[in-house]
Each structure stands twice: as structure tokens, then as C-alpha cells.
Amino acid sequence: MARYTGPKSKIARKFGEPIYGTDKYLDRKGYPPGQHGLEKKRKKMSEYGTQLKEKQKAKYTYGLLERQFSNLFQKASRANGVTGEVLIQLLESRLDNVVYRLGIAPTRPAARQLVSHRHIVVNGKVCGIPSYHVKAGDIIGVREKSKALEVIVNSVQGANRSRFSWLEWDGSQMAGKFMNVPAREDVPENIKEQLIVELYSK
């Protein structure tokens, strides 16, 4: 399936935020990419353009394709609660995102690869579907024969999980518990989900 594999700094500069993590190029060149850089006169973005940009930011942040994102939004719109908040909660509940949040992988793309290559187990059973939605009480861990993988060991040792109150980590088992769906204010991503709702409501 097609994924964006181009320069990540270019995307980060496009949105003006380090959506892929710390970015030295964004710190040095905090303006949109392009041949003329800051010299180019940029028109004021329309309301539609602002909404579209926010949707694209969410897609790049969580690594979803257009159809995947659209299907997830439709699911959020049918659920009880505020559509925008439910959308963020559904994105946070994806298995690849939970693996990343637990610190098993250093990035979301790396987490997706670990899941796809069947290194991750959910409630003791191997799960190779990155889009699998984790439920409250589920135990997400590393497959026994994969616990010695260098990329996993290094990521687990350097992870900072304290800011994610909805996750509980057991280092001895190399597994974490998804305690509950996170409240919107607890999710650190700078995404204005209401703009996405307005875009799809047109």
C-alpha cells in the first residue's frame, strides 16, 4: 500500500510543526519549503484551505491514507459523542499508534512496520494489522522471540511514557495495558479536529 516516503522535514516545514518529532531543519528553516523561501509572497489561505491543511496534518501525523482517514471519520460521525474528539480517540486507539506511545517503537512508521512484521501481540495473540483498534483492558506486548531485537530494546530503554495517563507499562514483561480511551485534552497532538469536521460537513 502506498505510503509517503519523501523528506519528512519538508512536510514538517509545510505545516510549521515537528509532526515527526525533533527536526533540526525545521528549527533552522521555520518557513514553508520552496525555491524562493521567505521571499515568495503567500496569499492569505481560504477557509477551505485551512480546513484541508488541518486534515492533511492529521493524516501525515498518524500515517493514514485518504480512504482510511475518510472511513475513520465516517465511523466517528456515527458514534456517540463529539465527532472531532471521537476521531482523535479512534486515531489514538490504532495498534500502531499504541505501540508507538508505549515506546516499543521510536516512531509511528517504525511501529507500523513492527506490527506488520508480526512482532507485536495483543492479549497474547500475534496481531499483524496496524489499523486494529485496541480496546480498554487490552494488553499490548512484544512477541517472545522478538524481545531481543535491537530496535525494540533501544526504543524501550529510551522511552518516556509518563505523560500518557491512559497507558500502563510493565518493563519485566515488555508489555503495556491500554487502560482507557484517552480524553482529548490528554492527547498531545496539536490538531484542530473541529476544522476537519467542518471540512467533511461541506
N, C-alpha and C. Protein backbone atom coordinates (compact mmCIF):
# COMPACT_ATOMS: atom_id res chain seq x y z
N MET A 1 0.84 -1.19 0.00
CA MET A 1 0.00 0.00 0.00
C MET A 1 0.88 1.25 0.00
N ALA A 2 0.48 2.26 -0.72
CA ALA A 2 1.28 3.47 -0.88
C ALA A 2 1.43 4.22 0.45
N ARG A 3 2.63 4.67 0.73
CA ARG A 3 2.91 5.48 1.91
C ARG A 3 3.84 6.61 1.50
N TYR A 4 3.78 7.73 2.24
CA TYR A 4 4.71 8.82 1.96
C TYR A 4 6.09 8.43 2.44
N THR A 5 7.05 8.43 1.52
CA THR A 5 8.42 8.06 1.87
C THR A 5 9.40 9.18 1.56
N GLY A 6 8.89 10.38 1.27
CA GLY A 6 9.75 11.50 0.93
C GLY A 6 10.37 12.15 2.16
N PRO A 7 10.98 13.33 1.97
CA PRO A 7 11.64 14.05 3.07
C PRO A 7 10.65 14.47 4.16
N LYS A 8 10.87 14.03 5.37
CA LYS A 8 9.95 14.35 6.46
C LYS A 8 10.07 15.81 6.90
N SER A 9 11.28 16.36 6.76
CA SER A 9 11.48 17.76 7.13
C SER A 9 10.65 18.69 6.24
N LYS A 10 10.49 18.29 4.98
CA LYS A 10 9.70 19.09 4.04
C LYS A 10 8.24 19.16 4.49
N ILE A 11 7.72 18.04 4.96
CA ILE A 11 6.34 18.00 5.44
C ILE A 11 6.22 18.81 6.74
N ALA A 12 7.19 18.66 7.62
CA ALA A 12 7.16 19.41 8.89
C ALA A 12 7.20 20.92 8.62
N ARG A 13 8.01 21.35 7.67
CA ARG A 13 8.09 22.78 7.33
C ARG A 13 6.80 23.26 6.68
N LYS A 14 6.16 22.38 5.93
CA LYS A 14 4.88 22.73 5.28
C LYS A 14 3.84 23.12 6.32
N PHE A 15 3.81 22.38 7.43
CA PHE A 15 2.82 22.64 8.48
C PHE A 15 3.37 23.53 9.59
N GLY A 16 4.68 23.77 9.56
CA GLY A 16 5.28 24.63 10.58
C GLY A 16 5.36 23.99 11.95
N GLU A 17 5.28 22.65 11.99
CA GLU A 17 5.31 21.94 13.27
C GLU A 17 6.13 20.66 13.14
N PRO A 18 6.81 20.24 14.20
CA PRO A 18 7.60 19.00 14.15
C PRO A 18 6.72 17.76 14.29
N ILE A 19 5.89 17.49 13.28
CA ILE A 19 4.93 16.40 13.40
C ILE A 19 5.59 15.03 13.40
N TYR A 20 6.85 14.94 13.00
CA TYR A 20 7.56 13.67 13.03
C TYR A 20 8.58 13.62 14.16
N GLY A 21 8.49 14.58 15.08
CA GLY A 21 9.45 14.61 16.18
C GLY A 21 10.47 15.73 15.98
N THR A 22 11.48 15.76 16.82
CA THR A 22 12.51 16.80 16.77
C THR A 22 13.10 16.90 15.37
N ASP A 23 13.17 18.14 14.86
CA ASP A 23 13.63 18.34 13.49
C ASP A 23 14.55 19.56 13.43
N LYS A 24 15.85 19.31 13.22
CA LYS A 24 16.82 20.41 13.21
C LYS A 24 16.63 21.33 12.02
N TYR A 25 16.13 20.78 10.90
CA TYR A 25 15.91 21.61 9.71
C TYR A 25 14.74 22.57 9.93
N LEU A 26 13.70 22.10 10.63
CA LEU A 26 12.55 22.95 10.93
C LEU A 26 12.97 24.07 11.87
N ASP A 27 13.86 23.74 12.83
CA ASP A 27 14.35 24.77 13.76
C ASP A 27 15.14 25.84 13.01
N ARG A 28 15.86 25.42 11.98
CA ARG A 28 16.71 26.35 11.25
C ARG A 28 15.95 27.10 10.15
N LYS A 29 14.99 26.39 9.55
CA LYS A 29 14.21 26.98 8.46
C LYS A 29 12.73 26.87 8.80
N GLY A 30 12.27 27.76 9.66
CA GLY A 30 10.89 27.70 10.11
C GLY A 30 9.90 28.36 9.16
N TYR A 31 10.05 28.10 7.89
CA TYR A 31 9.13 28.63 6.89
C TYR A 31 8.86 27.54 5.86
N PRO A 32 7.76 27.67 5.11
CA PRO A 32 7.39 26.61 4.15
C PRO A 32 8.48 26.35 3.13
N PRO A 33 8.58 25.11 2.62
CA PRO A 33 9.60 24.78 1.62
C PRO A 33 9.28 25.42 0.28
N GLY A 34 10.26 25.54 -0.56
CA GLY A 34 10.03 26.13 -1.88
C GLY A 34 11.28 26.84 -2.34
N GLN A 35 11.38 27.05 -3.64
CA GLN A 35 12.57 27.62 -4.24
C GLN A 35 12.90 29.01 -3.71
N HIS A 36 11.87 29.80 -3.45
CA HIS A 36 12.11 31.19 -3.07
C HIS A 36 11.98 31.45 -1.57
N GLY A 37 11.67 30.42 -0.84
CA GLY A 37 11.65 30.55 0.61
C GLY A 37 10.79 31.68 1.10
N LEU A 38 11.36 32.51 1.96
CA LEU A 38 10.62 33.61 2.57
C LEU A 38 10.31 34.74 1.59
N GLU A 39 11.02 34.80 0.47
CA GLU A 39 10.83 35.89 -0.48
C GLU A 39 9.49 35.79 -1.22
N LYS A 40 8.97 34.57 -1.32
CA LYS A 40 7.72 34.38 -2.06
C LYS A 40 6.54 34.97 -1.29
N LYS A 41 5.75 35.78 -1.97
CA LYS A 41 4.56 36.35 -1.35
C LYS A 41 3.46 35.29 -1.32
N ARG A 42 2.98 35.02 -0.13
CA ARG A 42 1.97 33.99 0.01
C ARG A 42 0.60 34.61 0.30
N LYS A 43 -0.38 34.19 -0.49
CA LYS A 43 -1.73 34.71 -0.31
C LYS A 43 -2.33 34.19 0.99
N LYS A 44 -3.27 34.95 1.51
CA LYS A 44 -3.97 34.52 2.72
C LYS A 44 -4.76 33.26 2.40
N MET A 45 -4.63 32.25 3.23
CA MET A 45 -5.29 30.97 2.96
C MET A 45 -6.79 31.08 3.19
N SER A 46 -7.55 30.47 2.31
CA SER A 46 -9.01 30.48 2.42
C SER A 46 -9.45 29.58 3.57
N GLU A 47 -10.72 29.69 3.92
CA GLU A 47 -11.27 28.85 4.99
C GLU A 47 -11.15 27.37 4.61
N TYR A 48 -11.46 27.05 3.36
CA TYR A 48 -11.36 25.68 2.88
C TYR A 48 -9.91 25.19 2.95
N GLY A 49 -8.98 26.08 2.55
CA GLY A 49 -7.56 25.73 2.56
C GLY A 49 -7.07 25.42 3.97
N THR A 50 -7.56 26.20 4.94
CA THR A 50 -7.17 25.99 6.34
C THR A 50 -7.69 24.65 6.85
N GLN A 51 -8.93 24.33 6.49
CA GLN A 51 -9.53 23.06 6.91
C GLN A 51 -8.82 21.87 6.27
N LEU A 52 -8.51 22.01 4.98
CA LEU A 52 -7.82 20.94 4.26
C LEU A 52 -6.43 20.70 4.83
N LYS A 53 -5.74 21.79 5.16
CA LYS A 53 -4.39 21.69 5.72
C LYS A 53 -4.42 20.94 7.05
N GLU A 54 -5.46 21.18 7.85
CA GLU A 54 -5.56 20.51 9.15
C GLU A 54 -5.80 19.02 8.96
N LYS A 55 -6.61 18.67 7.97
CA LYS A 55 -6.85 17.25 7.70
C LYS A 55 -5.57 16.57 7.22
N GLN A 56 -4.83 17.26 6.34
CA GLN A 56 -3.58 16.69 5.84
C GLN A 56 -2.56 16.51 6.97
N LYS A 57 -2.56 17.45 7.89
CA LYS A 57 -1.65 17.34 9.03
C LYS A 57 -1.97 16.10 9.86
N ALA A 58 -3.26 15.87 10.10
CA ALA A 58 -3.67 14.70 10.87
C ALA A 58 -3.31 13.41 10.13
N LYS A 59 -3.50 13.39 8.82
CA LYS A 59 -3.16 12.21 8.02
C LYS A 59 -1.67 11.90 8.08
N TYR A 60 -0.84 12.92 7.91
CA TYR A 60 0.61 12.71 7.95
C TYR A 60 1.06 12.31 9.35
N THR A 61 0.47 12.92 10.38
CA THR A 61 0.86 12.64 11.75
C THR A 61 0.64 11.17 12.10
N TYR A 62 -0.54 10.66 11.75
CA TYR A 62 -0.88 9.29 12.11
C TYR A 62 -0.59 8.28 11.00
N GLY A 63 -0.13 8.77 9.83
CA GLY A 63 0.29 7.88 8.76
C GLY A 63 -0.84 7.16 8.04
N LEU A 64 -1.97 7.86 7.84
CA LEU A 64 -3.10 7.25 7.16
C LEU A 64 -3.21 7.74 5.72
N LEU A 65 -3.80 6.90 4.88
CA LEU A 65 -4.11 7.29 3.51
C LEU A 65 -5.48 7.94 3.48
N GLU A 66 -5.82 8.56 2.37
CA GLU A 66 -7.07 9.32 2.27
C GLU A 66 -8.30 8.46 2.57
N ARG A 67 -8.38 7.30 1.95
CA ARG A 67 -9.57 6.47 2.16
C ARG A 67 -9.66 5.96 3.59
N GLN A 68 -8.53 5.60 4.17
CA GLN A 68 -8.51 5.16 5.56
C GLN A 68 -9.02 6.26 6.48
N PHE A 69 -8.54 7.48 6.24
CA PHE A 69 -8.93 8.60 7.09
C PHE A 69 -10.41 8.91 6.93
N SER A 70 -10.89 8.88 5.70
CA SER A 70 -12.30 9.16 5.43
C SER A 70 -13.19 8.12 6.10
N ASN A 71 -12.81 6.84 6.02
CA ASN A 71 -13.58 5.78 6.66
C ASN A 71 -13.61 5.95 8.17
N LEU A 72 -12.47 6.37 8.73
CA LEU A 72 -12.39 6.58 10.17
C LEU A 72 -13.28 7.74 10.60
N PHE A 73 -13.32 8.78 9.77
CA PHE A 73 -14.18 9.91 10.09
C PHE A 73 -15.65 9.50 10.06
N GLN A 74 -16.02 8.69 9.06
CA GLN A 74 -17.41 8.23 8.98
C GLN A 74 -17.77 7.41 10.22
N LYS A 75 -16.82 6.62 10.69
CA LYS A 75 -17.06 5.83 11.90
C LYS A 75 -17.23 6.74 13.11
N ALA A 76 -16.42 7.80 13.17
CA ALA A 76 -16.51 8.76 14.28
C ALA A 76 -17.85 9.51 14.25
N SER A 77 -18.31 9.84 13.05
CA SER A 77 -19.56 10.60 12.92
C SER A 77 -20.78 9.78 13.33
N ARG A 78 -20.66 8.45 13.23
CA ARG A 78 -21.78 7.59 13.62
C ARG A 78 -21.78 7.25 15.11
N ALA A 79 -20.65 7.50 15.77
CA ALA A 79 -20.52 7.14 17.18
C ALA A 79 -21.14 8.22 18.08
N ASN A 80 -21.41 7.84 19.31
CA ASN A 80 -21.92 8.80 20.29
C ASN A 80 -20.79 9.72 20.73
N GLY A 81 -21.12 10.97 20.99
CA GLY A 81 -20.11 11.92 21.44
C GLY A 81 -19.78 12.96 20.40
N VAL A 82 -18.83 13.82 20.72
CA VAL A 82 -18.40 14.89 19.82
C VAL A 82 -17.54 14.28 18.72
N THR A 83 -17.95 14.46 17.47
CA THR A 83 -17.29 13.79 16.34
C THR A 83 -15.78 14.02 16.30
N GLY A 84 -15.36 15.27 16.47
CA GLY A 84 -13.93 15.57 16.41
C GLY A 84 -13.13 14.85 17.48
N GLU A 85 -13.66 14.83 18.70
CA GLU A 85 -12.97 14.17 19.79
C GLU A 85 -12.94 12.66 19.58
N VAL A 86 -14.05 12.10 19.10
CA VAL A 86 -14.11 10.66 18.84
C VAL A 86 -13.10 10.28 17.75
N LEU A 87 -12.94 11.15 16.74
CA LEU A 87 -11.97 10.91 15.67
C LEU A 87 -10.56 10.79 16.24
N ILE A 88 -10.18 11.72 17.10
CA ILE A 88 -8.85 11.69 17.72
C ILE A 88 -8.69 10.43 18.56
N GLN A 89 -9.74 10.05 19.28
CA GLN A 89 -9.68 8.85 20.12
C GLN A 89 -9.52 7.58 19.27
N LEU A 90 -10.19 7.54 18.12
CA LEU A 90 -10.06 6.40 17.22
C LEU A 90 -8.64 6.32 16.66
N LEU A 91 -8.06 7.47 16.33
CA LEU A 91 -6.69 7.51 15.83
C LEU A 91 -5.71 7.03 16.90
N GLU A 92 -5.95 7.46 18.13
CA GLU A 92 -5.07 7.07 19.24
C GLU A 92 -5.21 5.60 19.60
N SER A 93 -6.35 5.00 19.26
CA SER A 93 -6.60 3.60 19.60
C SER A 93 -6.06 2.62 18.57
N ARG A 94 -5.53 3.12 17.45
CA ARG A 94 -4.94 2.22 16.46
C ARG A 94 -3.74 1.50 17.07
N LEU A 95 -3.58 0.24 16.73
CA LEU A 95 -2.50 -0.56 17.31
C LEU A 95 -1.12 0.04 17.05
N ASP A 96 -0.87 0.51 15.81
CA ASP A 96 0.45 1.07 15.52
C ASP A 96 0.73 2.30 16.38
N ASN A 97 -0.30 3.11 16.63
CA ASN A 97 -0.11 4.29 17.46
C ASN A 97 0.15 3.91 18.92
N VAL A 98 -0.57 2.91 19.42
CA VAL A 98 -0.39 2.46 20.80
C VAL A 98 1.02 1.89 21.00
N VAL A 99 1.49 1.13 20.02
CA VAL A 99 2.86 0.58 20.08
C VAL A 99 3.87 1.72 20.17
N TYR A 100 3.62 2.79 19.39
CA TYR A 100 4.50 3.97 19.43
C TYR A 100 4.41 4.68 20.78
N ARG A 101 3.20 4.88 21.28
CA ARG A 101 3.01 5.56 22.57
C ARG A 101 3.65 4.79 23.73
N LEU A 102 3.62 3.46 23.64
CA LEU A 102 4.21 2.64 24.70
C LEU A 102 5.74 2.68 24.67
N GLY A 103 6.30 3.19 23.57
CA GLY A 103 7.76 3.28 23.46
C GLY A 103 8.39 2.02 22.90
N ILE A 104 7.59 1.12 22.38
CA ILE A 104 8.14 -0.11 21.79
C ILE A 104 8.84 0.21 20.47
N ALA A 105 8.38 1.28 19.81
CA ALA A 105 9.00 1.75 18.57
C ALA A 105 9.26 3.25 18.68
N PRO A 106 10.33 3.75 18.06
CA PRO A 106 10.68 5.17 18.19
C PRO A 106 9.79 6.11 17.39
N THR A 107 9.14 5.61 16.34
CA THR A 107 8.27 6.44 15.50
C THR A 107 7.03 5.64 15.12
N ARG A 108 6.02 6.31 14.61
CA ARG A 108 4.82 5.60 14.16
C ARG A 108 5.11 4.71 12.95
N PRO A 109 5.89 5.19 11.95
CA PRO A 109 6.21 4.29 10.83
C PRO A 109 6.94 3.03 11.30
N ALA A 110 7.84 3.18 12.27
CA ALA A 110 8.56 2.02 12.81
C ALA A 110 7.59 1.09 13.53
N ALA A 111 6.62 1.68 14.24
CA ALA A 111 5.62 0.88 14.95
C ALA A 111 4.77 0.10 13.94
N ARG A 112 4.40 0.75 12.86
CA ARG A 112 3.60 0.09 11.82
C ARG A 112 4.36 -1.10 11.24
N GLN A 113 5.66 -0.92 11.05
CA GLN A 113 6.48 -2.00 10.49
C GLN A 113 6.58 -3.17 11.47
N LEU A 114 6.75 -2.88 12.76
CA LEU A 114 6.82 -3.95 13.76
C LEU A 114 5.53 -4.76 13.79
N VAL A 115 4.40 -4.05 13.71
CA VAL A 115 3.11 -4.74 13.72
C VAL A 115 2.96 -5.58 12.46
N SER A 116 3.26 -4.99 11.30
CA SER A 116 3.12 -5.69 10.02
C SER A 116 4.01 -6.93 9.94
N HIS A 117 5.17 -6.86 10.58
CA HIS A 117 6.11 -7.99 10.56
C HIS A 117 5.86 -8.97 11.71
N ARG A 118 4.72 -8.78 12.38
CA ARG A 118 4.23 -9.72 13.38
C ARG A 118 5.15 -9.86 14.59
N HIS A 119 5.65 -8.72 15.06
CA HIS A 119 6.47 -8.72 16.28
C HIS A 119 5.63 -8.35 17.51
N ILE A 120 4.38 -7.98 17.30
CA ILE A 120 3.53 -7.47 18.37
C ILE A 120 2.37 -8.43 18.67
N VAL A 121 2.08 -8.58 19.95
CA VAL A 121 0.95 -9.42 20.36
C VAL A 121 -0.08 -8.57 21.10
N VAL A 122 -1.36 -8.93 20.93
CA VAL A 122 -2.45 -8.29 21.65
C VAL A 122 -3.16 -9.38 22.44
N ASN A 123 -3.16 -9.23 23.76
CA ASN A 123 -3.75 -10.25 24.64
C ASN A 123 -3.16 -11.64 24.37
N GLY A 124 -1.86 -11.66 24.09
CA GLY A 124 -1.16 -12.93 23.91
C GLY A 124 -1.20 -13.50 22.51
N LYS A 125 -1.94 -12.88 21.61
CA LYS A 125 -2.05 -13.39 20.24
C LYS A 125 -1.40 -12.41 19.26
N VAL A 126 -0.63 -12.95 18.33
CA VAL A 126 0.05 -12.11 17.34
C VAL A 126 -0.98 -11.35 16.50
N CYS A 127 -0.75 -10.07 16.33
CA CYS A 127 -1.63 -9.24 15.50
C CYS A 127 -0.77 -8.49 14.49
N GLY A 128 -1.03 -8.69 13.21
CA GLY A 128 -0.25 -8.04 12.16
C GLY A 128 -1.00 -6.95 11.43
N ILE A 129 -2.02 -6.39 12.09
CA ILE A 129 -2.85 -5.35 11.45
C ILE A 129 -2.64 -4.01 12.16
N PRO A 130 -1.89 -3.09 11.54
CA PRO A 130 -1.61 -1.79 12.18
C PRO A 130 -2.87 -0.99 12.53
N SER A 131 -3.94 -1.16 11.75
CA SER A 131 -5.16 -0.38 11.97
C SER A 131 -6.09 -1.02 13.01
N TYR A 132 -5.69 -2.15 13.58
CA TYR A 132 -6.51 -2.81 14.60
C TYR A 132 -6.78 -1.84 15.74
N HIS A 133 -8.06 -1.75 16.15
CA HIS A 133 -8.41 -0.82 17.23
C HIS A 133 -8.35 -1.51 18.59
N VAL A 134 -7.47 -0.99 19.42
CA VAL A 134 -7.27 -1.52 20.77
C VAL A 134 -8.41 -1.08 21.67
N LYS A 135 -8.84 -1.96 22.55
CA LYS A 135 -9.94 -1.66 23.48
C LYS A 135 -9.39 -1.55 24.90
N ALA A 136 -10.16 -0.89 25.76
CA ALA A 136 -9.77 -0.73 27.16
C ALA A 136 -9.55 -2.09 27.79
N GLY A 137 -8.41 -2.26 28.45
CA GLY A 137 -8.09 -3.52 29.11
C GLY A 137 -7.20 -4.42 28.29
N ASP A 138 -7.00 -4.12 27.01
CA ASP A 138 -6.15 -4.94 26.16
C ASP A 138 -4.68 -4.82 26.58
N ILE A 139 -3.96 -5.93 26.47
CA ILE A 139 -2.53 -5.96 26.79
C ILE A 139 -1.75 -6.04 25.48
N ILE A 140 -0.91 -5.04 25.24
CA ILE A 140 -0.12 -4.99 24.01
C ILE A 140 1.34 -5.21 24.38
N GLY A 141 1.94 -6.21 23.78
CA GLY A 141 3.33 -6.51 24.13
C GLY A 141 4.16 -6.97 22.95
N VAL A 142 5.40 -7.31 23.24
CA VAL A 142 6.34 -7.76 22.21
C VAL A 142 6.32 -9.28 22.19
N ARG A 143 6.30 -9.84 21.01
CA ARG A 143 6.33 -11.29 20.84
C ARG A 143 7.61 -11.84 21.49
N GLU A 144 7.51 -12.99 22.12
CA GLU A 144 8.61 -13.54 22.90
C GLU A 144 9.92 -13.59 22.12
N LYS A 145 9.86 -14.09 20.89
CA LYS A 145 11.10 -14.25 20.13
C LYS A 145 11.61 -12.94 19.54
N SER A 146 10.85 -11.85 19.73
CA SER A 146 11.25 -10.55 19.18
C SER A 146 11.79 -9.60 20.26
N LYS A 147 11.78 -10.04 21.52
CA LYS A 147 12.16 -9.16 22.62
C LYS A 147 13.63 -8.74 22.60
N ALA A 148 14.43 -9.48 21.87
CA ALA A 148 15.86 -9.17 21.82
C ALA A 148 16.22 -8.29 20.61
N LEU A 149 15.24 -7.94 19.79
CA LEU A 149 15.52 -7.09 18.62
C LEU A 149 16.11 -5.76 19.06
N GLU A 150 17.20 -5.36 18.44
CA GLU A 150 17.92 -4.15 18.85
C GLU A 150 17.04 -2.91 18.79
N VAL A 151 16.25 -2.77 17.72
CA VAL A 151 15.41 -1.57 17.57
C VAL A 151 14.38 -1.48 18.69
N ILE A 152 13.87 -2.62 19.15
CA ILE A 152 12.88 -2.62 20.22
C ILE A 152 13.55 -2.34 21.56
N VAL A 153 14.67 -3.02 21.82
CA VAL A 153 15.40 -2.82 23.09
C VAL A 153 15.82 -1.37 23.26
N ASN A 154 16.39 -0.77 22.22
CA ASN A 154 16.83 0.62 22.28
C ASN A 154 15.67 1.57 22.50
N SER A 155 14.56 1.31 21.82
CA SER A 155 13.39 2.19 21.94
C SER A 155 12.78 2.11 23.33
N VAL A 156 12.65 0.89 23.85
CA VAL A 156 12.06 0.68 25.18
C VAL A 156 12.90 1.37 26.26
N GLN A 157 14.22 1.29 26.14
CA GLN A 157 15.11 1.88 27.14
C GLN A 157 15.04 3.41 27.15
N GLY A 158 14.82 4.00 25.96
CA GLY A 158 14.83 5.46 25.89
C GLY A 158 13.47 6.11 25.90
N ALA A 159 12.41 5.33 26.13
CA ALA A 159 11.05 5.86 26.04
C ALA A 159 10.64 6.67 27.27
N ASN A 160 9.81 7.69 27.03
CA ASN A 160 9.23 8.49 28.11
C ASN A 160 7.71 8.31 28.06
N ARG A 161 7.19 7.46 28.93
CA ARG A 161 5.76 7.12 28.89
C ARG A 161 4.94 7.86 29.94
N SER A 162 5.58 8.59 30.82
CA SER A 162 4.90 9.17 31.98
C SER A 162 3.78 10.13 31.61
N ARG A 163 3.83 10.73 30.40
CA ARG A 163 2.81 11.72 30.05
C ARG A 163 1.55 11.09 29.48
N PHE A 164 1.52 9.78 29.31
CA PHE A 164 0.35 9.12 28.75
C PHE A 164 -0.39 8.36 29.86
N SER A 165 -1.35 9.05 30.47
CA SER A 165 -2.05 8.50 31.63
C SER A 165 -2.93 7.30 31.31
N TRP A 166 -3.25 7.11 30.04
CA TRP A 166 -4.15 6.01 29.68
C TRP A 166 -3.39 4.70 29.38
N LEU A 167 -2.08 4.72 29.57
CA LEU A 167 -1.26 3.53 29.32
C LEU A 167 -0.51 3.13 30.58
N GLU A 168 -0.33 1.83 30.74
CA GLU A 168 0.42 1.31 31.88
C GLU A 168 1.46 0.32 31.36
N TRP A 169 2.73 0.53 31.72
CA TRP A 169 3.81 -0.27 31.15
C TRP A 169 4.42 -1.22 32.19
N ASP A 170 4.66 -2.46 31.79
CA ASP A 170 5.33 -3.46 32.62
C ASP A 170 6.64 -3.83 31.93
N GLY A 171 7.74 -3.27 32.42
CA GLY A 171 9.04 -3.48 31.79
C GLY A 171 9.50 -4.92 31.83
N SER A 172 9.16 -5.64 32.89
CA SER A 172 9.61 -7.02 33.02
C SER A 172 8.97 -7.93 31.97
N GLN A 173 7.76 -7.59 31.54
CA GLN A 173 7.06 -8.37 30.53
C GLN A 173 7.17 -7.76 29.13
N MET A 174 7.73 -6.55 29.07
CA MET A 174 7.78 -5.78 27.81
C MET A 174 6.38 -5.71 27.18
N ALA A 175 5.44 -5.30 28.01
CA ALA A 175 4.05 -5.20 27.58
C ALA A 175 3.38 -4.03 28.30
N GLY A 176 2.35 -3.51 27.68
CA GLY A 176 1.62 -2.40 28.27
C GLY A 176 0.13 -2.63 28.21
N LYS A 177 -0.57 -1.99 29.12
CA LYS A 177 -2.03 -2.12 29.17
C LYS A 177 -2.68 -0.83 28.70
N PHE A 178 -3.64 -0.96 27.80
CA PHE A 178 -4.43 0.19 27.32
C PHE A 178 -5.56 0.37 28.33
N MET A 179 -5.37 1.29 29.26
CA MET A 179 -6.30 1.44 30.38
C MET A 179 -7.68 1.93 29.95
N ASN A 180 -7.68 2.94 29.11
CA ASN A 180 -8.94 3.53 28.65
C ASN A 180 -8.69 4.42 27.45
N VAL A 181 -9.76 4.78 26.77
CA VAL A 181 -9.63 5.71 25.65
C VAL A 181 -9.26 7.08 26.21
N PRO A 182 -8.23 7.72 25.69
CA PRO A 182 -7.78 9.00 26.27
C PRO A 182 -8.77 10.14 26.04
N ALA A 183 -8.83 11.04 27.01
CA ALA A 183 -9.62 12.27 26.84
C ALA A 183 -8.87 13.18 25.87
N ARG A 184 -9.60 14.00 25.15
CA ARG A 184 -8.96 14.84 24.13
C ARG A 184 -7.87 15.72 24.71
N GLU A 185 -8.10 16.27 25.92
CA GLU A 185 -7.11 17.18 26.49
C GLU A 185 -5.82 16.46 26.89
N ASP A 186 -5.84 15.13 26.97
CA ASP A 186 -4.64 14.38 27.32
C ASP A 186 -3.78 14.04 26.10
N VAL A 187 -4.36 14.13 24.91
CA VAL A 187 -3.62 13.80 23.69
C VAL A 187 -2.77 15.00 23.28
N PRO A 188 -1.45 14.84 23.18
CA PRO A 188 -0.55 15.98 22.96
C PRO A 188 -0.53 16.54 21.53
N GLU A 189 -1.09 15.82 20.56
CA GLU A 189 -1.01 16.27 19.17
C GLU A 189 -1.74 17.60 18.97
N ASN A 190 -1.07 18.52 18.27
CA ASN A 190 -1.66 19.84 18.01
C ASN A 190 -2.51 19.79 16.75
N ILE A 191 -3.69 19.21 16.87
CA ILE A 191 -4.61 19.08 15.73
C ILE A 191 -5.94 19.73 16.10
N LYS A 192 -6.40 20.62 15.25
CA LYS A 192 -7.70 21.28 15.47
C LYS A 192 -8.77 20.45 14.77
N GLU A 193 -9.26 19.45 15.48
CA GLU A 193 -10.18 18.49 14.88
C GLU A 193 -11.49 19.09 14.41
N GLN A 194 -11.88 20.23 15.00
CA GLN A 194 -13.13 20.85 14.58
C GLN A 194 -13.06 21.33 13.13
N LEU A 195 -11.88 21.75 12.70
CA LEU A 195 -11.71 22.17 11.30
C LEU A 195 -11.90 20.98 10.35
N ILE A 196 -11.47 19.80 10.79
CA ILE A 196 -11.65 18.59 9.97
C ILE A 196 -13.13 18.24 9.87
N VAL A 197 -13.85 18.39 10.98
CA VAL A 197 -15.29 18.12 10.99
C VAL A 197 -16.00 19.08 10.03
N GLU A 198 -15.61 20.34 10.07
CA GLU A 198 -16.22 21.34 9.18
C GLU A 198 -15.94 21.02 7.71
N LEU A 199 -14.74 20.52 7.43
CA LEU A 199 -14.37 20.18 6.05
C LEU A 199 -15.26 19.05 5.53
N TYR A 200 -15.43 18.02 6.32
CA TYR A 200 -16.24 16.88 5.86
C TYR A 200 -17.74 17.19 5.89
N SER A 201 -18.10 18.28 6.55
CA SER A 201 -19.53 18.63 6.64
C SER A 201 -20.01 19.46 5.45
N LYS A 202 -19.08 19.86 4.59
CA LYS A 202 -19.44 20.70 3.45
C LYS A 202 -20.29 19.91 2.45
